[in-house]
Amino acid sequence: MKGSARIGRWKYALPALMLFLSFMMFSKFRYPSFKAVNWRTTRSIPRFFFLIALLAVTVKFYQWMAAVIFLSYLLYGFLRPFLSPKRPSRNRRGNRRGTGRETRRSRKIP
């Protein structure tokens, strides 16, 4: 079979990944926005070296690294709410709920 790709055991995982992807497309899980990333964004040196290493591994193993990167991004969106610290929600006025910062209008005065 020269010239054709061998899927092997992945043929059992692909339908499950397709169902998970379709679930994530309609779910309310939030993914990070890359709008703020530009060339002037300051990052730490270890993070820069990690990105360089990831780029080198991607170039070396180009056949399957795209799938690893996309799958990592897909799982990151699903796992992010469970891994990140809990933040108090905000109401419409921008005040944090449960902090005691109420305005006179928001309190119910008898």
C-alpha atoms as a PDB file:
ATOM      1  CA  MET A   1       0.000   0.000   0.000  1.00  0.00           C
ATOM      2  CA  LYS A   2       2.498   2.563  -1.033  1.00  0.00           C
ATOM      3  CA  GLY A   3       1.206   6.138  -1.027  1.00  0.00           C
ATOM      4  CA  SER A   4      -1.849   5.468   1.133  1.00  0.00           C
ATOM      5  CA  ALA A   5      -2.083   6.342   4.803  1.00  0.00           C
ATOM      6  CA  ARG A   6      -2.653   3.643   7.390  1.00  0.00           C
ATOM      7  CA  ILE A   7      -5.229   4.633  10.000  1.00  0.00           C
ATOM      8  CA  GLY A   8      -4.881   1.532  12.191  1.00  0.00           C
ATOM      9  CA  ARG A   9      -6.466   1.760  15.622  1.00  0.00           C
ATOM     10  CA  TRP A  10      -7.423   5.405  15.064  1.00  0.00           C
ATOM     11  CA  LYS A  11     -10.434   4.219  13.069  1.00  0.00           C
ATOM     12  CA  TYR A  12     -12.152   3.530  16.405  1.00  0.00           C
ATOM     13  CA  ALA A  13     -11.232   6.864  17.961  1.00  0.00           C
ATOM     14  CA  LEU A  14     -12.222   9.046  14.996  1.00  0.00           C
ATOM     15  CA  PRO A  15     -16.026   8.616  15.360  1.00  0.00           C
ATOM     16  CA  ALA A  16     -15.781   9.481  19.070  1.00  0.00           C
ATOM     17  CA  LEU A  17     -13.681  12.557  18.267  1.00  0.00           C
ATOM     18  CA  MET A  18     -16.193  13.633  15.630  1.00  0.00           C
ATOM     19  CA  LEU A  19     -19.060  13.353  18.136  1.00  0.00           C
ATOM     20  CA  PHE A  20     -17.055  15.268  20.752  1.00  0.00           C
ATOM     21  CA  LEU A  21     -16.252  17.994  18.218  1.00  0.00           C
ATOM     22  CA  SER A  22     -19.911  18.315  17.219  1.00  0.00           C
ATOM     23  CA  PHE A  23     -20.885  18.569  20.904  1.00  0.00           C
ATOM     24  CA  MET A  24     -18.280  21.271  21.500  1.00  0.00           C
ATOM     25  CA  MET A  25     -19.515  23.284  18.509  1.00  0.00           C
ATOM     26  CA  PHE A  26     -22.944  23.679  20.100  1.00  0.00           C
ATOM     27  CA  SER A  27     -21.876  23.856  23.740  1.00  0.00           C
ATOM     28  CA  LYS A  28     -21.417  26.992  25.801  1.00  0.00           C
ATOM     29  CA  PHE A  29     -17.756  26.316  26.545  1.00  0.00           C
ATOM     30  CA  ARG A  30     -15.646  29.413  25.957  1.00  0.00           C
ATOM     31  CA  TYR A  31     -12.379  29.385  24.041  1.00  0.00           C
ATOM     32  CA  PRO A  32      -9.688  32.049  24.354  1.00  0.00           C
ATOM     33  CA  SER A  33      -9.633  34.822  21.792  1.00  0.00           C
ATOM     34  CA  PHE A  34      -6.369  35.506  20.007  1.00  0.00           C
ATOM     35  CA  LYS A  35      -7.317  39.061  19.072  1.00  0.00           C
ATOM     36  CA  ALA A  36      -4.953  40.588  21.640  1.00  0.00           C
ATOM     37  CA  VAL A  37      -1.922  38.633  20.440  1.00  0.00           C
ATOM     38  CA  ASN A  38       0.445  40.777  18.424  1.00  0.00           C
ATOM     39  CA  TRP A  39       4.196  41.099  17.903  1.00  0.00           C
ATOM     40  CA  ARG A  40       4.518  43.500  20.828  1.00  0.00           C
ATOM     41  CA  THR A  41       2.915  41.179  23.360  1.00  0.00           C
ATOM     42  CA  THR A  42       5.380  40.613  26.176  1.00  0.00           C
ATOM     43  CA  ARG A  43       5.806  37.027  27.308  1.00  0.00           C
ATOM     44  CA  SER A  44       8.226  35.254  29.566  1.00  0.00           C
ATOM     45  CA  ILE A  45      11.432  33.668  28.284  1.00  0.00           C
ATOM     46  CA  PRO A  46      10.404  30.080  29.229  1.00  0.00           C
ATOM     47  CA  ARG A  47       7.154  30.466  27.303  1.00  0.00           C
ATOM     48  CA  PHE A  48       9.096  31.741  24.291  1.00  0.00           C
ATOM     49  CA  PHE A  49      11.437  28.721  24.444  1.00  0.00           C
ATOM     50  CA  PHE A  50       8.425  26.416  24.744  1.00  0.00           C
ATOM     51  CA  LEU A  51       6.918  27.906  21.576  1.00  0.00           C
ATOM     52  CA  ILE A  52      10.237  27.520  19.736  1.00  0.00           C
ATOM     53  CA  ALA A  53      10.454  23.871  20.860  1.00  0.00           C
ATOM     54  CA  LEU A  54       6.844  23.273  19.799  1.00  0.00           C
ATOM     55  CA  LEU A  55       7.601  24.761  16.399  1.00  0.00           C
ATOM     56  CA  ALA A  56      10.695  22.533  16.033  1.00  0.00           C
ATOM     57  CA  VAL A  57       8.711  19.403  16.984  1.00  0.00           C
ATOM     58  CA  THR A  58       5.953  20.437  14.570  1.00  0.00           C
ATOM     59  CA  VAL A  59       8.442  20.762  11.718  1.00  0.00           C
ATOM     60  CA  LYS A  60      10.083  17.429  12.543  1.00  0.00           C
ATOM     61  CA  PHE A  61       6.817  15.477  12.928  1.00  0.00           C
ATOM     62  CA  TYR A  62       4.674  17.397  10.459  1.00  0.00           C
ATOM     63  CA  GLN A  63       2.583  14.334   9.530  1.00  0.00           C
ATOM     64  CA  TRP A  64       0.705  14.158  12.820  1.00  0.00           C
ATOM     65  CA  MET A  65       1.513  17.321  14.820  1.00  0.00           C
ATOM     66  CA  ALA A  66      -1.378  19.285  13.315  1.00  0.00           C
ATOM     67  CA  ALA A  67      -3.784  16.702  14.739  1.00  0.00           C
ATOM     68  CA  VAL A  68      -2.087  16.921  18.155  1.00  0.00           C
ATOM     69  CA  ILE A  69      -2.286  20.730  18.205  1.00  0.00           C
ATOM     70  CA  PHE A  70      -5.954  20.831  17.137  1.00  0.00           C
ATOM     71  CA  LEU A  71      -6.903  18.081  19.595  1.00  0.00           C
ATOM     72  CA  SER A  72      -5.073  19.919  22.386  1.00  0.00           C
ATOM     73  CA  TYR A  73      -6.975  23.118  21.600  1.00  0.00           C
ATOM     74  CA  LEU A  74     -10.264  21.214  21.521  1.00  0.00           C
ATOM     75  CA  LEU A  75      -9.607  19.593  24.885  1.00  0.00           C
ATOM     76  CA  TYR A  76      -8.362  22.861  26.366  1.00  0.00           C
ATOM     77  CA  GLY A  77     -11.746  24.471  25.777  1.00  0.00           C
ATOM     78  CA  PHE A  78     -13.456  21.579  27.509  1.00  0.00           C
ATOM     79  CA  LEU A  79     -11.061  21.359  30.480  1.00  0.00           C
ATOM     80  CA  ARG A  80     -10.481  25.094  31.026  1.00  0.00           C
ATOM     81  CA  PRO A  81     -13.517  25.682  33.309  1.00  0.00           C
ATOM     82  CA  PHE A  82     -12.369  22.827  35.544  1.00  0.00           C
ATOM     83  CA  LEU A  83      -8.720  23.904  35.686  1.00  0.00           C
ATOM     84  CA  SER A  84      -9.008  27.683  36.068  1.00  0.00           C
ATOM     85  CA  PRO A  85      -9.780  29.284  39.434  1.00  0.00           C
ATOM     86  CA  LYS A  86     -13.377  30.232  40.106  1.00  0.00           C
ATOM     87  CA  ARG A  87     -14.148  33.910  39.552  1.00  0.00           C
ATOM     88  CA  PRO A  88     -17.211  35.580  41.032  1.00  0.00           C
ATOM     89  CA  SER A  89     -19.780  36.419  38.399  1.00  0.00           C
ATOM     90  CA  ARG A  90     -20.704  40.021  37.616  1.00  0.00           C
ATOM     91  CA  ASN A  91     -24.141  41.537  37.441  1.00  0.00           C
ATOM     92  CA  ARG A  92     -25.321  43.956  34.736  1.00  0.00           C
ATOM     93  CA  ARG A  93     -23.787  47.006  36.410  1.00  0.00           C
ATOM     94  CA  GLY A  94     -20.336  45.421  36.547  1.00  0.00           C
ATOM     95  CA  ASN A  95     -20.387  44.843  40.301  1.00  0.00           C
ATOM     96  CA  ARG A  96     -19.261  41.506  41.599  1.00  0.00           C
ATOM     97  CA  ARG A  97     -22.020  39.516  43.189  1.00  0.00           C
ATOM     98  CA  GLY A  98     -21.635  38.748  46.850  1.00  0.00           C
ATOM     99  CA  THR A  99     -18.967  41.377  47.613  1.00  0.00           C
ATOM    100  CA  GLY A 100     -21.275  43.820  49.359  1.00  0.00           C
ATOM    101  CA  ARG A 101     -20.688  46.632  46.837  1.00  0.00           C
ATOM    102  CA  GLU A 102     -24.267  47.595  46.323  1.00  0.00           C
ATOM    103  CA  THR A 103     -25.475  50.963  45.187  1.00  0.00           C
ATOM    104  CA  ARG A 104     -28.453  52.706  46.683  1.00  0.00           C
ATOM    105  CA  ARG A 105     -30.568  51.895  43.633  1.00  0.00           C
ATOM    106  CA  SER A 106     -29.711  48.218  43.655  1.00  0.00           C
ATOM    107  CA  ARG A 107     -30.745  47.775  47.325  1.00  0.00           C
ATOM    108  CA  LYS A 108     -34.374  47.247  48.006  1.00  0.00           C
ATOM    109  CA  ILE A 109     -35.481  50.016  50.350  1.00  0.00           C
ATOM    110  CA  PRO A 110     -38.800  49.392  52.167  1.00  0.00           C
END
